[in-house]
Structures are given as C-alpha cells and as structure tokens.
Amino acid sequence: MTKVRITQIKSTIGASLKQERNLLALGIKKRGQSKEVNLTPQIEGIIRKVSHLVKIEKI
C-alpha cells in the first residue's frame, strides 16, 4: 500500500460538522498537524471530502 502524509493547512472554522469529523477520523485535530496513513479506498474518500483543507504528499 502507498503511504501518504496528510497535513491540515486550513482551519475548520466555517467548515461543516461532517468535514470536521472527517479530519478527526484521519487523526488530525489542529491546523498544521500531519499524519501518515496507508492510502486505502476509504481514506481516499475522506481526503476527497476535505481536499480544500489538507495537503497530501506521497511518501
């Protein structure tokens, strides 16, 4: 599986509750925080929903 680093670059202020919960599901709580995860179809779906709030880098 491919590993990716997800970094939150924008605040969740003004974002919907679902988007905030999607970031929490990824393990990201604060702006600037990063998390390395395996890229699965479920994770890809979550990233797609919050793509305007995060930056993705392949590792």
PDB file of N, CA and C in Angstrom:
ATOM      1  N   MET A   1       0.823  -1.180   0.000  1.00  0.00           N
ATOM      2  CA  MET A   1       0.000   0.000   0.000  1.00  0.00           C
ATOM      3  C   MET A   1       0.871   1.248   0.000  1.00  0.00           C
ATOM      4  N   THR A   2       0.346   2.263  -0.586  1.00  0.00           N
ATOM      5  CA  THR A   2       1.042   3.541  -0.643  1.00  0.00           C
ATOM      6  C   THR A   2       0.799   4.300   0.650  1.00  0.00           C
ATOM      7  N   LYS A   3       1.856   4.901   1.179  1.00  0.00           N
ATOM      8  CA  LYS A   3       1.710   5.745   2.358  1.00  0.00           C
ATOM      9  C   LYS A   3       1.668   7.200   1.908  1.00  0.00           C
ATOM     10  N   VAL A   4       0.821   7.984   2.572  1.00  0.00           N
ATOM     11  CA  VAL A   4       0.729   9.407   2.288  1.00  0.00           C
ATOM     12  C   VAL A   4       0.785  10.177   3.597  1.00  0.00           C
ATOM     13  N   ARG A   5       1.284  11.400   3.512  1.00  0.00           N
ATOM     14  CA  ARG A   5       1.294  12.308   4.654  1.00  0.00           C
ATOM     15  C   ARG A   5       0.217  13.352   4.392  1.00  0.00           C
ATOM     16  N   ILE A   6      -0.719  13.459   5.334  1.00  0.00           N
ATOM     17  CA  ILE A   6      -1.824  14.411   5.219  1.00  0.00           C
ATOM     18  C   ILE A   6      -1.569  15.518   6.230  1.00  0.00           C
ATOM     19  N   THR A   7      -1.554  16.771   5.769  1.00  0.00           N
ATOM     20  CA  THR A   7      -1.326  17.924   6.631  1.00  0.00           C
ATOM     21  C   THR A   7      -2.496  18.884   6.487  1.00  0.00           C
ATOM     22  N   GLN A   8      -3.063  19.294   7.620  1.00  0.00           N
ATOM     23  CA  GLN A   8      -4.148  20.268   7.580  1.00  0.00           C
ATOM     24  C   GLN A   8      -3.544  21.643   7.364  1.00  0.00           C
ATOM     25  N   ILE A   9      -3.991  22.343   6.320  1.00  0.00           N
ATOM     26  CA  ILE A   9      -3.428  23.655   6.004  1.00  0.00           C
ATOM     27  C   ILE A   9      -4.419  24.787   6.238  1.00  0.00           C
ATOM     28  N   LYS A  10      -5.711  24.463   6.362  1.00  0.00           N
ATOM     29  CA  LYS A  10      -6.722  25.486   6.602  1.00  0.00           C
ATOM     30  C   LYS A  10      -7.533  25.118   7.830  1.00  0.00           C
ATOM     31  N   SER A  11      -8.075  26.136   8.475  1.00  0.00           N
ATOM     32  CA  SER A  11      -8.869  25.952   9.680  1.00  0.00           C
ATOM     33  C   SER A  11     -10.222  25.325   9.363  1.00  0.00           C
ATOM     34  N   THR A  12     -10.805  24.675  10.365  1.00  0.00           N
ATOM     35  CA  THR A  12     -12.134  24.091  10.191  1.00  0.00           C
ATOM     36  C   THR A  12     -13.233  25.075  10.571  1.00  0.00           C
ATOM     37  N   ILE A  13     -12.865  26.301  10.939  1.00  0.00           N
ATOM     38  CA  ILE A  13     -13.883  27.307  11.244  1.00  0.00           C
ATOM     39  C   ILE A  13     -14.678  27.563   9.961  1.00  0.00           C
ATOM     40  N   GLY A  14     -15.959  27.417  10.042  1.00  0.00           N
ATOM     41  CA  GLY A  14     -16.820  27.609   8.880  1.00  0.00           C
ATOM     42  C   GLY A  14     -17.046  26.339   8.084  1.00  0.00           C
ATOM     43  N   ALA A  15     -16.298  25.288   8.394  1.00  0.00           N
ATOM     44  CA  ALA A  15     -16.484  24.015   7.701  1.00  0.00           C
ATOM     45  C   ALA A  15     -17.681  23.289   8.328  1.00  0.00           C
ATOM     46  N   SER A  16     -18.267  22.388   7.583  1.00  0.00           N
ATOM     47  CA  SER A  16     -19.416  21.654   8.105  1.00  0.00           C
ATOM     48  C   SER A  16     -18.959  20.657   9.172  1.00  0.00           C
ATOM     49  N   LEU A  17     -19.896  20.204   9.970  1.00  0.00           N
ATOM     50  CA  LEU A  17     -19.597  19.254  11.035  1.00  0.00           C
ATOM     51  C   LEU A  17     -19.049  17.948  10.456  1.00  0.00           C
ATOM     52  N   LYS A  18     -19.570  17.538   9.294  1.00  0.00           N
ATOM     53  CA  LYS A  18     -19.080  16.310   8.652  1.00  0.00           C
ATOM     54  C   LYS A  18     -17.607  16.438   8.273  1.00  0.00           C
ATOM     55  N   GLN A  19     -17.223  17.618   7.778  1.00  0.00           N
ATOM     56  CA  GLN A  19     -15.821  17.821   7.397  1.00  0.00           C
ATOM     57  C   GLN A  19     -14.928  17.802   8.623  1.00  0.00           C
ATOM     58  N   GLU A  20     -15.376  18.399   9.719  1.00  0.00           N
ATOM     59  CA  GLU A  20     -14.597  18.368  10.956  1.00  0.00           C
ATOM     60  C   GLU A  20     -14.426  16.937  11.440  1.00  0.00           C
ATOM     61  N   ARG A  21     -15.488  16.164  11.380  1.00  0.00           N
ATOM     62  CA  ARG A  21     -15.421  14.766  11.824  1.00  0.00           C
ATOM     63  C   ARG A  21     -14.555  13.914  10.911  1.00  0.00           C
ATOM     64  N   ASN A  22     -14.532  14.239   9.604  1.00  0.00           N
ATOM     65  CA  ASN A  22     -13.656  13.519   8.684  1.00  0.00           C
ATOM     66  C   ASN A  22     -12.190  13.763   9.029  1.00  0.00           C
ATOM     67  N   LEU A  23     -11.843  14.999   9.403  1.00  0.00           N
ATOM     68  CA  LEU A  23     -10.471  15.278   9.816  1.00  0.00           C
ATOM     69  C   LEU A  23     -10.135  14.531  11.097  1.00  0.00           C
ATOM     70  N   LEU A  24     -11.075  14.476  12.032  1.00  0.00           N
ATOM     71  CA  LEU A  24     -10.840  13.719  13.265  1.00  0.00           C
ATOM     72  C   LEU A  24     -10.658  12.231  12.964  1.00  0.00           C
ATOM     73  N   ALA A  25     -11.401  11.722  11.981  1.00  0.00           N
ATOM     74  CA  ALA A  25     -11.265  10.315  11.591  1.00  0.00           C
ATOM     75  C   ALA A  25      -9.873  10.035  11.021  1.00  0.00           C
ATOM     76  N   LEU A  26      -9.275  11.051  10.395  1.00  0.00           N
ATOM     77  CA  LEU A  26      -7.910  10.907   9.878  1.00  0.00           C
ATOM     78  C   LEU A  26      -6.869  11.066  10.994  1.00  0.00           C
ATOM     79  N   GLY A  27      -7.301  11.540  12.156  1.00  0.00           N
ATOM     80  CA  GLY A  27      -6.383  11.724  13.276  1.00  0.00           C
ATOM     81  C   GLY A  27      -5.773  13.111  13.315  1.00  0.00           C
ATOM     82  N   ILE A  28      -6.407  14.068  12.645  1.00  0.00           N
ATOM     83  CA  ILE A  28      -5.889  15.431  12.587  1.00  0.00           C
ATOM     84  C   ILE A  28      -6.813  16.333  13.400  1.00  0.00           C
ATOM     85  N   LYS A  29      -6.223  17.042  14.379  1.00  0.00           N
ATOM     86  CA  LYS A  29      -7.026  17.878  15.264  1.00  0.00           C
ATOM     87  C   LYS A  29      -6.746  19.363  15.125  1.00  0.00           C
ATOM     88  N   LYS A  30      -5.534  19.730  14.704  1.00  0.00           N
ATOM     89  CA  LYS A  30      -5.151  21.140  14.657  1.00  0.00           C
ATOM     90  C   LYS A  30      -4.592  21.497  13.284  1.00  0.00           C
ATOM     91  N   ARG A  31      -4.660  22.776  12.957  1.00  0.00           N
ATOM     92  CA  ARG A  31      -4.061  23.260  11.708  1.00  0.00           C
ATOM     93  C   ARG A  31      -2.558  23.087  11.801  1.00  0.00           C
ATOM     94  N   GLY A  32      -1.946  22.574  10.761  1.00  0.00           N
ATOM     95  CA  GLY A  32      -0.509  22.347  10.742  1.00  0.00           C
ATOM     96  C   GLY A  32      -0.110  20.950  11.178  1.00  0.00           C
ATOM     97  N   GLN A  33      -1.047  20.195  11.720  1.00  0.00           N
ATOM     98  CA  GLN A  33      -0.745  18.840  12.177  1.00  0.00           C
ATOM     99  C   GLN A  33      -0.710  17.885  10.992  1.00  0.00           C
ATOM    100  N   SER A  34       0.224  16.916  11.043  1.00  0.00           N
ATOM    101  CA  SER A  34       0.365  15.938   9.966  1.00  0.00           C
ATOM    102  C   SER A  34       0.146  14.534  10.498  1.00  0.00           C
ATOM    103  N   LYS A  35      -0.252  13.646   9.588  1.00  0.00           N
ATOM    104  CA  LYS A  35      -0.446  12.251   9.935  1.00  0.00           C
ATOM    105  C   LYS A  35      -0.078  11.420   8.723  1.00  0.00           C
ATOM    106  N   GLU A  36       0.641  10.318   8.947  1.00  0.00           N
ATOM    107  CA  GLU A  36       0.986   9.404   7.865  1.00  0.00           C
ATOM    108  C   GLU A  36       0.041   8.214   7.916  1.00  0.00           C
ATOM    109  N   VAL A  37      -0.601   7.928   6.793  1.00  0.00           N
ATOM    110  CA  VAL A  37      -1.577   6.846   6.727  1.00  0.00           C
ATOM    111  C   VAL A  37      -1.380   6.034   5.452  1.00  0.00           C
ATOM    112  N   ASN A  38      -1.848   4.782   5.474  1.00  0.00           N
ATOM    113  CA  ASN A  38      -1.873   3.968   4.268  1.00  0.00           C
ATOM    114  C   ASN A  38      -3.042   4.426   3.411  1.00  0.00           C
ATOM    115  N   LEU A  39      -2.810   4.527   2.129  1.00  0.00           N
ATOM    116  CA  LEU A  39      -3.837   5.013   1.207  1.00  0.00           C
ATOM    117  C   LEU A  39      -4.748   3.860   0.803  1.00  0.00           C
ATOM    118  N   THR A  40      -5.934   3.840   1.388  1.00  0.00           N
ATOM    119  CA  THR A  40      -6.953   2.841   1.071  1.00  0.00           C
ATOM    120  C   THR A  40      -8.118   3.566   0.396  1.00  0.00           C
ATOM    121  N   PRO A  41      -9.038   2.835  -0.209  1.00  0.00           N
ATOM    122  CA  PRO A  41     -10.193   3.499  -0.828  1.00  0.00           C
ATOM    123  C   PRO A  41     -11.001   4.332   0.174  1.00  0.00           C
ATOM    124  N   GLN A  42     -11.083   3.876   1.429  1.00  0.00           N
ATOM    125  CA  GLN A  42     -11.824   4.619   2.452  1.00  0.00           C
ATOM    126  C   GLN A  42     -11.131   5.937   2.764  1.00  0.00           C
ATOM    127  N   ILE A  43      -9.805   5.909   2.908  1.00  0.00           N
ATOM    128  CA  ILE A  43      -9.034   7.114   3.194  1.00  0.00           C
ATOM    129  C   ILE A  43      -9.101   8.072   2.010  1.00  0.00           C
ATOM    130  N   GLU A  44      -9.050   7.540   0.780  1.00  0.00           N
ATOM    131  CA  GLU A  44      -9.162   8.386  -0.409  1.00  0.00           C
ATOM    132  C   GLU A  44     -10.489   9.133  -0.422  1.00  0.00           C
ATOM    133  N   GLY A  45     -11.569   8.472  -0.014  1.00  0.00           N
ATOM    134  CA  GLY A  45     -12.877   9.111   0.037  1.00  0.00           C
ATOM    135  C   GLY A  45     -12.918  10.236   1.049  1.00  0.00           C
ATOM    136  N   ILE A  46     -12.314  10.003   2.221  1.00  0.00           N
ATOM    137  CA  ILE A  46     -12.280  11.043   3.254  1.00  0.00           C
ATOM    138  C   ILE A  46     -11.459  12.226   2.758  1.00  0.00           C
ATOM    139  N   ILE A  47     -10.317  11.953   2.140  1.00  0.00           N
ATOM    140  CA  ILE A  47      -9.455  13.026   1.624  1.00  0.00           C
ATOM    141  C   ILE A  47     -10.198  13.850   0.577  1.00  0.00           C
ATOM    142  N   ARG A  48     -10.964  13.175  -0.281  1.00  0.00           N
ATOM    143  CA  ARG A  48     -11.718  13.869  -1.318  1.00  0.00           C
ATOM    144  C   ARG A  48     -12.722  14.851  -0.701  1.00  0.00           C
ATOM    145  N   LYS A  49     -13.320  14.481   0.422  1.00  0.00           N
ATOM    146  CA  LYS A  49     -14.314  15.338   1.078  1.00  0.00           C
ATOM    147  C   LYS A  49     -13.699  16.569   1.723  1.00  0.00           C
ATOM    148  N   VAL A  50     -12.428  16.480   2.147  1.00  0.00           N
ATOM    149  CA  VAL A  50     -11.781  17.607   2.842  1.00  0.00           C
ATOM    150  C   VAL A  50     -10.550  18.101   2.086  1.00  0.00           C
ATOM    151  N   SER A  51     -10.523  17.891   0.777  1.00  0.00           N
ATOM    152  CA  SER A  51      -9.333  18.220  -0.017  1.00  0.00           C
ATOM    153  C   SER A  51      -8.977  19.701   0.026  1.00  0.00           C
ATOM    154  N   HIS A  52      -9.960  20.566   0.262  1.00  0.00           N
ATOM    155  CA  HIS A  52      -9.697  22.004   0.324  1.00  0.00           C
ATOM    156  C   HIS A  52      -9.082  22.424   1.660  1.00  0.00           C
ATOM    157  N   LEU A  53      -9.035  21.515   2.639  1.00  0.00           N
ATOM    158  CA  LEU A  53      -8.486  21.815   3.958  1.00  0.00           C
ATOM    159  C   LEU A  53      -7.119  21.177   4.199  1.00  0.00           C
ATOM    160  N   VAL A  54      -6.717  20.244   3.347  1.00  0.00           N
ATOM    161  CA  VAL A  54      -5.497  19.476   3.592  1.00  0.00           C
ATOM    162  C   VAL A  54      -4.553  19.497   2.396  1.00  0.00           C
ATOM    163  N   LYS A  55      -3.300  19.119   2.693  1.00  0.00           N
ATOM    164  CA  LYS A  55      -2.273  18.942   1.662  1.00  0.00           C
ATOM    165  C   LYS A  55      -1.827  17.491   1.744  1.00  0.00           C
ATOM    166  N   ILE A  56      -1.673  16.835   0.606  1.00  0.00           N
ATOM    167  CA  ILE A  56      -1.307  15.419   0.576  1.00  0.00           C
ATOM    168  C   ILE A  56       0.052  15.268  -0.102  1.00  0.00           C
ATOM    169  N   GLU A  57       0.943  14.506   0.548  1.00  0.00           N
ATOM    170  CA  GLU A  57       2.259  14.203  -0.023  1.00  0.00           C
ATOM    171  C   GLU A  57       2.457  12.702  -0.019  1.00  0.00           C
ATOM    172  N   LYS A  58       2.914  12.150  -1.135  1.00  0.00           N
ATOM    173  CA  LYS A  58       3.248  10.728  -1.172  1.00  0.00           C
ATOM    174  C   LYS A  58       4.601  10.517  -0.490  1.00  0.00           C
ATOM    175  N   ILE A  59       4.705   9.418   0.235  1.00  0.00           N
ATOM    176  CA  ILE A  59       5.953   9.106   0.937  1.00  0.00           C
ATOM    177  C   ILE A  59       6.633   7.954   0.232  1.00  0.00           C
TER     178      ILE A  59
END
